[in-house]
Amino acid sequence: MEEVERIFAKLPPEARRELLDYAEFLLQKYGKREARGFKFTWEGKLKDVKMTSVELQHKALEWREDVSG
């Protein structure tokens, strides 16, 4: 981190602004990836379905075939 600060201090003001803008861009780009992941908001929503997971999988396949024709 000290090396970054040392280099930053040597830059002219306009280059510092550009570097900060780029750092903010990278933070937006890669910061979102860290926040990504699986969200289990659906958890428990199928508790009343009286099918096994395999039966449900087969039913989903049927639905896909019906939609795709």
N, C-alpha and C. Protein backbone atom coordinates (compact mmCIF):
# COMPACT_ATOMS: atom_id res chain seq x y z
N MET A 1 0.82 -1.19 0.00
CA MET A 1 0.00 0.00 0.00
C MET A 1 0.87 1.26 0.00
N GLU A 2 1.99 1.17 0.65
CA GLU A 2 2.90 2.32 0.69
C GLU A 2 3.39 2.66 -0.71
N GLU A 3 3.61 1.63 -1.54
CA GLU A 3 4.08 1.89 -2.89
C GLU A 3 3.04 2.65 -3.70
N VAL A 4 1.78 2.30 -3.52
CA VAL A 4 0.69 2.99 -4.22
C VAL A 4 0.66 4.46 -3.79
N GLU A 5 0.77 4.70 -2.50
CA GLU A 5 0.77 6.07 -1.99
C GLU A 5 1.97 6.85 -2.51
N ARG A 6 3.12 6.21 -2.59
CA ARG A 6 4.33 6.87 -3.07
C ARG A 6 4.17 7.28 -4.54
N ILE A 7 3.66 6.37 -5.35
CA ILE A 7 3.46 6.67 -6.76
C ILE A 7 2.39 7.75 -6.94
N PHE A 8 1.30 7.62 -6.20
CA PHE A 8 0.21 8.58 -6.27
C PHE A 8 0.71 10.00 -5.96
N ALA A 9 1.56 10.12 -4.95
CA ALA A 9 2.09 11.42 -4.53
C ALA A 9 2.95 12.07 -5.62
N LYS A 10 3.56 11.26 -6.49
CA LYS A 10 4.42 11.79 -7.55
C LYS A 10 3.64 12.26 -8.77
N LEU A 11 2.38 11.89 -8.86
CA LEU A 11 1.58 12.24 -10.04
C LEU A 11 1.09 13.68 -9.97
N PRO A 12 0.94 14.30 -11.14
CA PRO A 12 0.33 15.64 -11.17
C PRO A 12 -1.16 15.54 -10.83
N PRO A 13 -1.77 16.63 -10.38
CA PRO A 13 -3.17 16.60 -9.94
C PRO A 13 -4.15 15.98 -10.96
N GLU A 14 -4.00 16.32 -12.23
CA GLU A 14 -4.93 15.77 -13.23
C GLU A 14 -4.79 14.25 -13.38
N ALA A 15 -3.57 13.75 -13.24
CA ALA A 15 -3.35 12.30 -13.30
C ALA A 15 -3.90 11.62 -12.05
N ARG A 16 -3.80 12.29 -10.91
CA ARG A 16 -4.37 11.73 -9.67
C ARG A 16 -5.88 11.56 -9.81
N ARG A 17 -6.53 12.59 -10.39
CA ARG A 17 -7.99 12.53 -10.58
C ARG A 17 -8.34 11.37 -11.50
N GLU A 18 -7.55 11.22 -12.57
CA GLU A 18 -7.78 10.14 -13.53
C GLU A 18 -7.60 8.77 -12.86
N LEU A 19 -6.56 8.67 -12.04
CA LEU A 19 -6.32 7.41 -11.34
C LEU A 19 -7.45 7.09 -10.35
N LEU A 20 -7.93 8.10 -9.66
CA LEU A 20 -9.05 7.90 -8.74
C LEU A 20 -10.31 7.48 -9.48
N ASP A 21 -10.57 8.11 -10.63
CA ASP A 21 -11.73 7.74 -11.45
C ASP A 21 -11.63 6.28 -11.88
N TYR A 22 -10.44 5.88 -12.31
CA TYR A 22 -10.24 4.50 -12.75
C TYR A 22 -10.40 3.53 -11.57
N ALA A 23 -9.87 3.91 -10.41
CA ALA A 23 -10.00 3.06 -9.22
C ALA A 23 -11.47 2.89 -8.84
N GLU A 24 -12.26 3.96 -8.95
CA GLU A 24 -13.69 3.88 -8.66
C GLU A 24 -14.40 2.97 -9.66
N PHE A 25 -14.00 3.07 -10.93
CA PHE A 25 -14.56 2.18 -11.96
C PHE A 25 -14.27 0.72 -11.62
N LEU A 26 -13.01 0.43 -11.26
CA LEU A 26 -12.65 -0.94 -10.90
C LEU A 26 -13.40 -1.42 -9.67
N LEU A 27 -13.59 -0.54 -8.73
CA LEU A 27 -14.34 -0.90 -7.52
C LEU A 27 -15.78 -1.26 -7.86
N GLN A 28 -16.39 -0.50 -8.74
CA GLN A 28 -17.75 -0.83 -9.18
C GLN A 28 -17.77 -2.16 -9.92
N LYS A 29 -16.81 -2.34 -10.80
CA LYS A 29 -16.77 -3.55 -11.63
C LYS A 29 -16.53 -4.79 -10.79
N TYR A 30 -15.55 -4.76 -9.93
CA TYR A 30 -15.18 -5.95 -9.17
C TYR A 30 -15.86 -6.02 -7.81
N GLY A 31 -16.30 -4.90 -7.29
CA GLY A 31 -17.00 -4.89 -6.01
C GLY A 31 -18.34 -5.62 -6.10
N LYS A 32 -18.99 -5.51 -7.25
CA LYS A 32 -20.26 -6.19 -7.45
C LYS A 32 -20.08 -7.69 -7.48
N ARG A 33 -18.96 -8.14 -8.00
CA ARG A 33 -18.72 -9.58 -8.04
C ARG A 33 -18.63 -10.18 -6.65
N GLU A 34 -18.05 -9.43 -5.74
CA GLU A 34 -17.95 -9.92 -4.36
C GLU A 34 -19.33 -10.02 -3.73
N ALA A 35 -20.20 -9.08 -4.10
CA ALA A 35 -21.54 -9.07 -3.52
C ALA A 35 -22.43 -10.13 -4.14
N ARG A 36 -22.03 -10.61 -5.31
CA ARG A 36 -22.82 -11.64 -5.97
C ARG A 36 -22.75 -12.93 -5.17
N GLY A 37 -23.54 -13.83 -5.59
CA GLY A 37 -23.58 -15.12 -4.94
C GLY A 37 -25.00 -15.63 -4.98
N PHE A 38 -25.19 -16.74 -4.43
CA PHE A 38 -26.51 -17.31 -4.44
C PHE A 38 -27.34 -16.69 -3.33
N LYS A 39 -28.54 -16.32 -3.70
CA LYS A 39 -29.48 -15.81 -2.72
C LYS A 39 -30.58 -16.86 -2.61
N PHE A 40 -30.86 -17.24 -1.44
CA PHE A 40 -31.83 -18.30 -1.23
C PHE A 40 -33.17 -17.72 -0.79
N THR A 41 -33.64 -16.70 -1.53
CA THR A 41 -34.92 -16.09 -1.20
C THR A 41 -36.08 -17.05 -1.46
N TRP A 42 -35.83 -18.05 -2.29
CA TRP A 42 -36.85 -19.03 -2.61
C TRP A 42 -36.95 -20.13 -1.57
N GLU A 43 -36.02 -20.17 -0.66
CA GLU A 43 -35.95 -21.25 0.31
C GLU A 43 -37.26 -21.37 1.10
N GLY A 44 -37.79 -22.58 1.14
CA GLY A 44 -39.01 -22.86 1.87
C GLY A 44 -40.29 -22.59 1.09
N LYS A 45 -40.17 -22.02 -0.11
CA LYS A 45 -41.37 -21.66 -0.89
C LYS A 45 -42.09 -22.88 -1.45
N LEU A 46 -41.40 -24.00 -1.58
CA LEU A 46 -42.01 -25.20 -2.15
C LEU A 46 -42.34 -26.25 -1.09
N LYS A 47 -42.41 -25.84 0.15
CA LYS A 47 -42.62 -26.81 1.21
C LYS A 47 -43.97 -27.52 1.11
N ASP A 48 -44.94 -26.88 0.44
CA ASP A 48 -46.27 -27.48 0.29
C ASP A 48 -46.39 -28.36 -0.95
N VAL A 49 -45.38 -28.37 -1.79
CA VAL A 49 -45.41 -29.20 -3.00
C VAL A 49 -45.17 -30.64 -2.59
N LYS A 50 -46.08 -31.49 -3.02
CA LYS A 50 -46.00 -32.91 -2.64
C LYS A 50 -45.32 -33.72 -3.74
N MET A 51 -44.07 -33.36 -4.05
CA MET A 51 -43.28 -34.07 -5.05
C MET A 51 -41.87 -34.21 -4.51
N THR A 52 -41.19 -35.22 -5.00
CA THR A 52 -39.77 -35.32 -4.67
C THR A 52 -39.02 -34.36 -5.58
N SER A 53 -37.77 -34.11 -5.27
CA SER A 53 -36.97 -33.21 -6.11
C SER A 53 -36.81 -33.77 -7.51
N VAL A 54 -36.73 -35.10 -7.63
CA VAL A 54 -36.58 -35.72 -8.95
C VAL A 54 -37.87 -35.54 -9.75
N GLU A 55 -39.01 -35.74 -9.10
CA GLU A 55 -40.29 -35.54 -9.79
C GLU A 55 -40.44 -34.09 -10.24
N LEU A 56 -40.04 -33.18 -9.41
CA LEU A 56 -40.10 -31.77 -9.76
C LEU A 56 -39.17 -31.44 -10.92
N GLN A 57 -38.02 -32.07 -10.94
CA GLN A 57 -37.07 -31.89 -12.04
C GLN A 57 -37.69 -32.37 -13.36
N HIS A 58 -38.34 -33.52 -13.33
CA HIS A 58 -38.99 -34.05 -14.53
C HIS A 58 -40.12 -33.13 -15.00
N LYS A 59 -40.86 -32.61 -14.05
CA LYS A 59 -41.96 -31.69 -14.38
C LYS A 59 -41.41 -30.42 -15.03
N ALA A 60 -40.32 -29.90 -14.51
CA ALA A 60 -39.70 -28.71 -15.08
C ALA A 60 -39.24 -28.98 -16.51
N LEU A 61 -38.72 -30.18 -16.76
CA LEU A 61 -38.30 -30.56 -18.10
C LEU A 61 -39.50 -30.59 -19.04
N GLU A 62 -40.62 -31.11 -18.56
CA GLU A 62 -41.84 -31.11 -19.35
C GLU A 62 -42.27 -29.68 -19.69
N TRP A 63 -42.21 -28.80 -18.71
CA TRP A 63 -42.61 -27.41 -18.94
C TRP A 63 -41.72 -26.75 -19.99
N ARG A 64 -40.43 -27.03 -19.92
CA ARG A 64 -39.50 -26.45 -20.89
C ARG A 64 -39.80 -26.96 -22.30
N GLU A 65 -40.11 -28.26 -22.39
CA GLU A 65 -40.43 -28.83 -23.70
C GLU A 65 -41.71 -28.23 -24.24
N ASP A 66 -42.69 -27.99 -23.37
CA ASP A 66 -43.96 -27.38 -23.81
C ASP A 66 -43.72 -25.97 -24.34
N VAL A 67 -42.85 -25.22 -23.68
CA VAL A 67 -42.59 -23.84 -24.08
C VAL A 67 -41.80 -23.79 -25.39
N SER A 68 -40.80 -24.65 -25.52
CA SER A 68 -39.94 -24.62 -26.71
C SER A 68 -40.60 -25.26 -27.92
N GLY A 69 -41.64 -26.01 -27.70
CA GLY A 69 -42.41 -26.55 -28.80
C GLY A 69 -41.94 -27.86 -29.21
